[in-house]
PDB file of N, CA and C in Angstrom:
ATOM      1  N   MET A   1     103.924 103.084  79.197  1.00  0.00           N
ATOM      2  CA  MET A   1     102.500 103.270  78.859  1.00  0.00           C
ATOM      3  C   MET A   1     102.315 104.746  78.429  1.00  0.00           C
ATOM      4  N   ARG A   2     101.344 104.878  77.572  1.00  0.00           N
ATOM      5  CA  ARG A   2     100.956 106.266  77.145  1.00  0.00           C
ATOM      6  C   ARG A   2      99.450 106.268  76.934  1.00  0.00           C
ATOM      7  N   GLY A   3      98.839 107.361  77.264  1.00  0.00           N
ATOM      8  CA  GLY A   3      97.405 107.437  76.879  1.00  0.00           C
ATOM      9  C   GLY A   3      96.833 108.702  77.486  1.00  0.00           C
ATOM     10  N   LEU A   4      95.523 108.786  77.322  1.00  0.00           N
ATOM     11  CA  LEU A   4      94.700 109.974  77.795  1.00  0.00           C
ATOM     12  C   LEU A   4      93.359 109.454  78.114  1.00  0.00           C
ATOM     13  N   GLY A   5      92.892 109.921  79.257  1.00  0.00           N
ATOM     14  CA  GLY A   5      91.503 109.493  79.665  1.00  0.00           C
ATOM     15  C   GLY A   5      91.511 108.014  79.879  1.00  0.00           C
ATOM     16  N   CYS A   6      90.520 107.325  79.175  1.00  0.00           N
ATOM     17  CA  CYS A   6      90.444 105.818  79.260  1.00  0.00           C
ATOM     18  C   CYS A   6      90.893 105.180  78.022  1.00  0.00           C
ATOM     19  N   PHE A   7      91.869 105.752  77.244  1.00  0.00           N
ATOM     20  CA  PHE A   7      92.365 105.198  76.091  1.00  0.00           C
ATOM     21  C   PHE A   7      93.977 105.106  76.259  1.00  0.00           C
ATOM     22  N   TRP A   8      94.395 103.937  76.511  1.00  0.00           N
ATOM     23  CA  TRP A   8      95.795 103.752  76.886  1.00  0.00           C
ATOM     24  C   TRP A   8      96.441 102.631  75.997  1.00  0.00           C
ATOM     25  N   ALA A   9      97.818 102.642  75.879  1.00  0.00           N
ATOM     26  CA  ALA A   9      98.497 101.687  75.144  1.00  0.00           C
ATOM     27  C   ALA A   9      99.713 101.218  75.926  1.00  0.00           C
ATOM     28  N   ILE A  10      99.977  99.986  76.017  1.00  0.00           N
ATOM     29  CA  ILE A  10     101.096  99.384  76.736  1.00  0.00           C
ATOM     30  C   ILE A  10     102.073  99.033  75.562  1.00  0.00           C
ATOM     31  N   GLU A  11     103.115  99.692  75.573  1.00  0.00           N
ATOM     32  CA  GLU A  11     104.222  99.460  74.518  1.00  0.00           C
ATOM     33  C   GLU A  11     105.209  98.503  75.034  1.00  0.00           C
ATOM     34  N   LEU A  12     105.388  97.238  74.391  1.00  0.00           N
ATOM     35  CA  LEU A  12     106.250  96.289  74.766  1.00  0.00           C
ATOM     36  C   LEU A  12     107.576  96.356  74.058  1.00  0.00           C
ATOM     37  N   VAL A  13     108.657  96.268  74.761  1.00  0.00           N
ATOM     38  CA  VAL A  13     110.003  96.442  74.194  1.00  0.00           C
ATOM     39  C   VAL A  13     110.756  95.343  74.667  1.00  0.00           C
ATOM     40  N   THR A  14     111.874  95.025  73.976  1.00  0.00           N
ATOM     41  CA  THR A  14     112.759  93.949  74.343  1.00  0.00           C
ATOM     42  C   THR A  14     113.876  94.422  75.206  1.00  0.00           C
ATOM     43  N   ASN A  15     114.048  95.815  75.256  1.00  0.00           N
ATOM     44  CA  ASN A  15     115.143  96.403  76.157  1.00  0.00           C
ATOM     45  C   ASN A  15     114.621  97.769  76.515  1.00  0.00           C
ATOM     46  N   ARG A  16     114.621  98.150  77.720  1.00  0.00           N
ATOM     47  CA  ARG A  16     114.236  99.386  78.106  1.00  0.00           C
ATOM     48  C   ARG A  16     115.148 100.541  77.675  1.00  0.00           C
ATOM     49  N   ASP A  17     116.416 100.320  77.659  1.00  0.00           N
ATOM     50  CA  ASP A  17     117.366 101.256  77.288  1.00  0.00           C
ATOM     51  C   ASP A  17     117.292 101.555  75.761  1.00  0.00           C
ATOM     52  N   SER A  18     117.360 100.648  74.942  1.00  0.00           N
ATOM     53  CA  SER A  18     117.245 100.794  73.554  1.00  0.00           C
ATOM     54  C   SER A  18     115.894 101.055  73.023  1.00  0.00           C
ATOM     55  N   LYS A  19     114.859 100.563  73.757  1.00  0.00           N
ATOM     56  CA  LYS A  19     113.419 100.783  73.376  1.00  0.00           C
ATOM     57  C   LYS A  19     113.118 100.060  72.108  1.00  0.00           C
ATOM     58  N   GLN A  20     113.857  98.883  71.851  1.00  0.00           N
ATOM     59  CA  GLN A  20     113.676  98.040  70.733  1.00  0.00           C
ATOM     60  C   GLN A  20     112.265  97.347  70.872  1.00  0.00           C
ATOM     61  N   PRO A  21     111.359  97.666  69.906  1.00  0.00           N
ATOM     62  CA  PRO A  21     109.957  97.157  70.033  1.00  0.00           C
ATOM     63  C   PRO A  21     109.919  95.568  70.001  1.00  0.00           C
ATOM     64  N   LEU A  22     109.020  95.013  70.713  1.00  0.00           N
ATOM     65  CA  LEU A  22     108.805  93.513  70.718  1.00  0.00           C
ATOM     66  C   LEU A  22     108.400  93.101  69.380  1.00  0.00           C
ATOM     67  N   ALA A  23     107.624  93.942  68.590  1.00  0.00           N
ATOM     68  CA  ALA A  23     107.243  93.737  67.269  1.00  0.00           C
ATOM     69  C   ALA A  23     107.679  94.881  66.378  1.00  0.00           C
ATOM     70  N   PRO A  24     108.164  94.720  65.158  1.00  0.00           N
ATOM     71  CA  PRO A  24     108.523  95.887  64.437  1.00  0.00           C
ATOM     72  C   PRO A  24     107.348  96.655  63.938  1.00  0.00           C
ATOM     73  N   TYR A  25     107.531  97.913  63.720  1.00  0.00           N
ATOM     74  CA  TYR A  25     106.519  98.775  63.119  1.00  0.00           C
ATOM     75  C   TYR A  25     106.053  98.239  61.792  1.00  0.00           C
ATOM     76  N   GLY A  26     104.743  98.167  61.693  1.00  0.00           N
ATOM     77  CA  GLY A  26     104.089  97.669  60.399  1.00  0.00           C
ATOM     78  C   GLY A  26     103.971  96.140  60.314  1.00  0.00           C
ATOM     79  N   SER A  27     104.308  95.504  61.571  1.00  0.00           N
ATOM     80  CA  SER A  27     104.428  94.058  61.460  1.00  0.00           C
ATOM     81  C   SER A  27     104.029  93.428  62.813  1.00  0.00           C
ATOM     82  N   SER A  28     104.231  92.218  62.973  1.00  0.00           N
ATOM     83  CA  SER A  28     103.987  91.516  64.212  1.00  0.00           C
ATOM     84  C   SER A  28     105.212  90.672  64.464  1.00  0.00           C
ATOM     85  N   SER A  29     105.147  89.860  65.583  1.00  0.00           N
ATOM     86  CA  SER A  29     106.279  88.951  65.771  1.00  0.00           C
ATOM     87  C   SER A  29     105.860  87.791  66.568  1.00  0.00           C
ATOM     88  N   GLU A  30     106.636  86.721  66.696  1.00  0.00           N
ATOM     89  CA  GLU A  30     106.316  85.580  67.397  1.00  0.00           C
ATOM     90  C   GLU A  30     105.957  85.938  68.832  1.00  0.00           C
ATOM     91  N   ALA A  31     106.796  86.798  69.434  1.00  0.00           N
ATOM     92  CA  ALA A  31     106.622  87.195  70.881  1.00  0.00           C
ATOM     93  C   ALA A  31     105.351  87.830  71.093  1.00  0.00           C
ATOM     94  N   MET A  32     104.920  88.811  70.208  1.00  0.00           N
ATOM     95  CA  MET A  32     103.622  89.504  70.405  1.00  0.00           C
ATOM     96  C   MET A  32     102.488  88.513  70.175  1.00  0.00           C
ATOM     97  N   GLY A  33     102.743  87.667  69.242  1.00  0.00           N
ATOM     98  CA  GLY A  33     101.610  86.547  69.000  1.00  0.00           C
ATOM     99  C   GLY A  33     101.340  85.715  70.163  1.00  0.00           C
ATOM    100  N   LYS A  34     102.466  85.449  70.913  1.00  0.00           N
ATOM    101  CA  LYS A  34     102.319  84.565  72.124  1.00  0.00           C
ATOM    102  C   LYS A  34     101.632  85.358  73.332  1.00  0.00           C
ATOM    103  N   VAL A  35     101.967  86.587  73.454  1.00  0.00           N
ATOM    104  CA  VAL A  35     101.262  87.447  74.483  1.00  0.00           C
ATOM    105  C   VAL A  35      99.905  87.587  74.151  1.00  0.00           C
ATOM    106  N   ILE A  36      99.500  87.819  72.929  1.00  0.00           N
ATOM    107  CA  ILE A  36      98.109  87.930  72.592  1.00  0.00           C
ATOM    108  C   ILE A  36      97.351  86.677  72.833  1.00  0.00           C
ATOM    109  N   ALA A  37      98.045  85.557  72.337  1.00  0.00           N
ATOM    110  CA  ALA A  37      97.375  84.142  72.567  1.00  0.00           C
ATOM    111  C   ALA A  37      97.177  83.873  73.914  1.00  0.00           C
ATOM    112  N   LYS A  38      98.049  84.291  74.878  1.00  0.00           N
ATOM    113  CA  LYS A  38      97.868  84.057  76.267  1.00  0.00           C
ATOM    114  C   LYS A  38      96.796  84.870  76.779  1.00  0.00           C
ATOM    115  N   CYS A  39      96.540  86.127  76.379  1.00  0.00           N
ATOM    116  CA  CYS A  39      95.449  86.873  76.719  1.00  0.00           C
ATOM    117  C   CYS A  39      94.203  86.204  76.393  1.00  0.00           C
ATOM    118  N   LYS A  40      94.036  85.726  75.146  1.00  0.00           N
ATOM    119  CA  LYS A  40      92.801  85.043  74.686  1.00  0.00           C
ATOM    120  C   LYS A  40      92.609  83.752  75.396  1.00  0.00           C
ATOM    121  N   GLU A  41      93.634  83.043  75.696  1.00  0.00           N
ATOM    122  CA  GLU A  41      93.522  81.769  76.450  1.00  0.00           C
ATOM    123  C   GLU A  41      92.893  81.966  77.814  1.00  0.00           C
ATOM    124  N   LEU A  42      93.386  83.093  78.442  1.00  0.00           N
ATOM    125  CA  LEU A  42      92.804  83.540  79.735  1.00  0.00           C
ATOM    126  C   LEU A  42      91.392  84.246  79.737  1.00  0.00           C
ATOM    127  N   GLY A  43      90.890  84.499  78.516  1.00  0.00           N
ATOM    128  CA  GLY A  43      89.675  85.139  78.399  1.00  0.00           C
ATOM    129  C   GLY A  43      89.550  86.595  78.216  1.00  0.00           C
ATOM    130  N   LEU A  44      90.713  87.134  77.752  1.00  0.00           N
ATOM    131  CA  LEU A  44      90.794  88.696  77.571  1.00  0.00           C
ATOM    132  C   LEU A  44      91.123  88.793  76.114  1.00  0.00           C
ATOM    133  N   ILE A  45      90.168  89.466  75.345  1.00  0.00           N
ATOM    134  CA  ILE A  45      90.321  89.804  73.958  1.00  0.00           C
ATOM    135  C   ILE A  45      90.965  91.219  73.944  1.00  0.00           C
ATOM    136  N   VAL A  46      92.062  91.357  73.328  1.00  0.00           N
ATOM    137  CA  VAL A  46      92.829  92.610  73.271  1.00  0.00           C
ATOM    138  C   VAL A  46      92.980  93.076  71.851  1.00  0.00           C
ATOM    139  N   PHE A  47      93.081  94.400  71.670  1.00  0.00           N
ATOM    140  CA  PHE A  47      93.401  95.023  70.418  1.00  0.00           C
ATOM    141  C   PHE A  47      94.884  95.345  70.519  1.00  0.00           C
ATOM    142  N   ALA A  48      95.677  94.627  69.692  1.00  0.00           N
ATOM    143  CA  ALA A  48      97.143  94.890  69.533  1.00  0.00           C
ATOM    144  C   ALA A  48      97.493  95.415  68.213  1.00  0.00           C
ATOM    145  N   ASN A  49      98.515  96.277  68.252  1.00  0.00           N
ATOM    146  CA  ASN A  49      99.000  96.910  66.935  1.00  0.00           C
ATOM    147  C   ASN A  49     100.451  97.003  67.092  1.00  0.00           C
ATOM    148  N   PHE A  50     101.223  96.254  66.256  1.00  0.00           N
ATOM    149  CA  PHE A  50     102.700  96.306  66.344  1.00  0.00           C
ATOM    150  C   PHE A  50     103.083  95.762  67.734  1.00  0.00           C
ATOM    151  N   ASN A  51     103.814  96.645  68.468  1.00  0.00           N
ATOM    152  CA  ASN A  51     104.228  96.277  69.777  1.00  0.00           C
ATOM    153  C   ASN A  51     103.382  96.866  70.881  1.00  0.00           C
ATOM    154  N   ARG A  52     102.153  97.205  70.562  1.00  0.00           N
ATOM    155  CA  ARG A  52     101.286  97.894  71.553  1.00  0.00           C
ATOM    156  C   ARG A  52     100.050  97.070  71.786  1.00  0.00           C
ATOM    157  N   ILE A  53      99.683  97.003  73.037  1.00  0.00           N
ATOM    158  CA  ILE A  53      98.436  96.402  73.454  1.00  0.00           C
ATOM    159  C   ILE A  53      97.594  97.669  74.006  1.00  0.00           C
ATOM    160  N   HIS A  54      96.454  97.831  73.330  1.00  0.00           N
ATOM    161  CA  HIS A  54      95.704  99.001  73.657  1.00  0.00           C
ATOM    162  C   HIS A  54      94.623  98.606  74.777  1.00  0.00           C
ATOM    163  N   VAL A  55      94.471  99.448  75.780  1.00  0.00           N
ATOM    164  CA  VAL A  55      93.591  99.203  76.919  1.00  0.00           C
ATOM    165  C   VAL A  55      92.539 100.304  76.841  1.00  0.00           C
ATOM    166  N   VAL A  56      91.374  99.930  76.410  1.00  0.00           N
ATOM    167  CA  VAL A  56      90.220 100.895  76.267  1.00  0.00           C
ATOM    168  C   VAL A  56      89.048 100.327  76.745  1.00  0.00           C
ATOM    169  N   PRO A  57      88.865 100.302  78.076  1.00  0.00           N
ATOM    170  CA  PRO A  57      87.575  99.795  78.621  1.00  0.00           C
ATOM    171  C   PRO A  57      86.511 100.812  78.563  1.00  0.00           C
ATOM    172  N   PRO A  58      85.213 100.295  78.600  1.00  0.00           N
ATOM    173  CA  PRO A  58      84.109 101.316  78.523  1.00  0.00           C
ATOM    174  C   PRO A  58      84.109 102.116  79.954  1.00  0.00           C
ATOM    175  N   LEU A  59      83.665 103.400  79.877  1.00  0.00           N
ATOM    176  CA  LEU A  59      83.708 104.181  81.012  1.00  0.00           C
ATOM    177  C   LEU A  59      82.763 103.722  82.181  1.00  0.00           C
ATOM    178  N   ASN A  60      81.847 102.792  81.879  1.00  0.00           N
ATOM    179  CA  ASN A  60      80.924 102.377  82.914  1.00  0.00           C
ATOM    180  C   ASN A  60      81.334 100.930  83.400  1.00  0.00           C
ATOM    181  N   ILE A  61      82.515 100.578  83.265  1.00  0.00           N
ATOM    182  CA  ILE A  61      83.008  99.259  83.682  1.00  0.00           C
ATOM    183  C   ILE A  61      83.085  99.148  85.244  1.00  0.00           C
ATOM    184  N   ASP A  62      82.692  98.023  85.675  1.00  0.00           N
ATOM    185  CA  ASP A  62      82.738  97.722  87.138  1.00  0.00           C
ATOM    186  C   ASP A  62      84.071  97.448  87.569  1.00  0.00           C
ATOM    187  N   ASP A  63      84.399  97.780  88.853  1.00  0.00           N
ATOM    188  CA  ASP A  63      85.711  97.706  89.397  1.00  0.00           C
ATOM    189  C   ASP A  63      86.278  96.269  89.365  1.00  0.00           C
ATOM    190  N   ASP A  64      85.355  95.340  89.630  1.00  0.00           N
ATOM    191  CA  ASP A  64      85.734  93.953  89.716  1.00  0.00           C
ATOM    192  C   ASP A  64      86.177  93.494  88.275  1.00  0.00           C
ATOM    193  N   VAL A  65      85.551  93.982  87.195  1.00  0.00           N
ATOM    194  CA  VAL A  65      85.896  93.504  85.842  1.00  0.00           C
ATOM    195  C   VAL A  65      87.287  94.171  85.565  1.00  0.00           C
ATOM    196  N   VAL A  66      87.486  95.364  85.969  1.00  0.00           N
ATOM    197  CA  VAL A  66      88.840  96.066  85.739  1.00  0.00           C
ATOM    198  C   VAL A  66      89.922  95.221  86.498  1.00  0.00           C
ATOM    199  N   ALA A  67      89.698  94.809  87.613  1.00  0.00           N
ATOM    200  CA  ALA A  67      90.612  93.938  88.377  1.00  0.00           C
ATOM    201  C   ALA A  67      90.909  92.657  87.769  1.00  0.00           C
ATOM    202  N   GLU A  68      89.929  91.992  87.234  1.00  0.00           N
ATOM    203  CA  GLU A  68      90.007  90.723  86.505  1.00  0.00           C
ATOM    204  C   GLU A  68      90.757  90.899  85.166  1.00  0.00           C
ATOM    205  N   GLY A  69      90.493  91.928  84.504  1.00  0.00           N
ATOM    206  CA  GLY A  69      91.256  92.179  83.216  1.00  0.00           C
ATOM    207  C   GLY A  69      92.758  92.491  83.425  1.00  0.00           C
ATOM    208  N   LEU A  70      92.978  93.319  84.462  1.00  0.00           N
ATOM    209  CA  LEU A  70      94.379  93.638  84.791  1.00  0.00           C
ATOM    210  C   LEU A  70      95.105  92.382  85.199  1.00  0.00           C
ATOM    211  N   ALA A  71      94.517  91.532  86.043  1.00  0.00           N
ATOM    212  CA  ALA A  71      95.160  90.301  86.427  1.00  0.00           C
ATOM    213  C   ALA A  71      95.506  89.426  85.301  1.00  0.00           C
ATOM    214  N   ILE A  72      94.572  89.341  84.339  1.00  0.00           N
ATOM    215  CA  ILE A  72      94.803  88.523  83.046  1.00  0.00           C
ATOM    216  C   ILE A  72      95.968  89.110  82.353  1.00  0.00           C
ATOM    217  N   LEU A  73      95.861  90.418  82.116  1.00  0.00           N
ATOM    218  CA  LEU A  73      96.953  91.094  81.338  1.00  0.00           C
ATOM    219  C   LEU A  73      98.336  90.969  82.046  1.00  0.00           C
ATOM    220  N   ASP A  74      98.353  91.055  83.408  1.00  0.00           N
ATOM    221  CA  ASP A  74      99.618  90.893  84.122  1.00  0.00           C
ATOM    222  C   ASP A  74     100.170  89.451  83.760  1.00  0.00           C
ATOM    223  N   GLU A  75      99.298  88.428  83.845  1.00  0.00           N
ATOM    224  CA  GLU A  75      99.847  87.142  83.661  1.00  0.00           C
ATOM    225  C   GLU A  75     100.291  86.902  82.175  1.00  0.00           C
ATOM    226  N   ALA A  76      99.531  87.512  81.244  1.00  0.00           N
ATOM    227  CA  ALA A  76      99.908  87.393  79.882  1.00  0.00           C
ATOM    228  C   ALA A  76     101.235  88.126  79.574  1.00  0.00           C
ATOM    229  N   LEU A  77     101.518  89.234  80.208  1.00  0.00           N
ATOM    230  CA  LEU A  77     102.655  89.944  80.042  1.00  0.00           C
ATOM    231  C   LEU A  77     103.921  89.143  80.530  1.00  0.00           C
ATOM    232  N   SER A  78     103.761  88.238  81.448  1.00  0.00           N
ATOM    233  CA  SER A  78     104.927  87.367  81.880  1.00  0.00           C
ATOM    234  C   SER A  78     105.411  86.548  80.678  1.00  0.00           C
ATOM    235  N   VAL A  79     104.631  86.332  79.671  1.00  0.00           N
ATOM    236  CA  VAL A  79     105.139  85.694  78.521  1.00  0.00           C
ATOM    237  C   VAL A  79     106.127  86.552  77.805  1.00  0.00           C
ATOM    238  N   ALA A  80     105.961  87.808  77.807  1.00  0.00           N
ATOM    239  CA  ALA A  80     106.927  88.679  77.086  1.00  0.00           C
ATOM    240  C   ALA A  80     108.265  88.782  77.913  1.00  0.00           C
ATOM    241  N   ASP A  81     108.256  88.481  79.195  1.00  0.00           N
ATOM    242  CA  ASP A  81     109.473  88.483  79.890  1.00  0.00           C
ATOM    243  C   ASP A  81     110.613  87.641  79.341  1.00  0.00           C
ATOM    244  N   GLN A  82     110.220  86.487  78.691  1.00  0.00           N
ATOM    245  CA  GLN A  82     111.278  85.592  78.172  1.00  0.00           C
ATOM    246  C   GLN A  82     111.975  86.205  76.989  1.00  0.00           C
ATOM    247  N   TYR A  83     111.341  87.353  76.404  1.00  0.00           N
ATOM    248  CA  TYR A  83     112.058  87.991  75.263  1.00  0.00           C
ATOM    249  C   TYR A  83     112.750  89.196  75.588  1.00  0.00           C
ATOM    250  N   TYR A  84     112.748  89.618  76.955  1.00  0.00           N
ATOM    251  CA  TYR A  84     113.465  90.799  77.347  1.00  0.00           C
ATOM    252  C   TYR A  84     114.991  90.551  77.428  1.00  0.00           C
ATOM    253  N   GLN A  85     115.737  91.487  76.870  1.00  0.00           N
ATOM    254  CA  GLN A  85     117.153  91.430  76.950  1.00  0.00           C
ATOM    255  C   GLN A  85     117.634  92.485  77.927  1.00  0.00           C
ATOM    256  N   HIS A  86     118.494  92.047  78.844  1.00  0.00           N
ATOM    257  CA  HIS A  86     119.123  92.961  79.795  1.00  0.00           C
ATOM    258  C   HIS A  86     120.320  93.677  79.342  1.00  0.00           C
TER     259      HIS A  86
END
């Protein structure tokens, strides 16, 4: 993850050592498409760019809404696990 204040991005990779992106720069991938689709299926609309999912909630967001969004994101990220290479 990287970010500042309330503007964060989760960078998805296929391997932590090589840092190979889940989607190539300037493009998308089947894997990223499936992660984004799972977010939408669960009710979370995300802004994704290449291999990043941007997390930019409003500063006046309620704690319960944050918890719900993070739970959805956590479940959707499990889809990316099948593309991880050890």
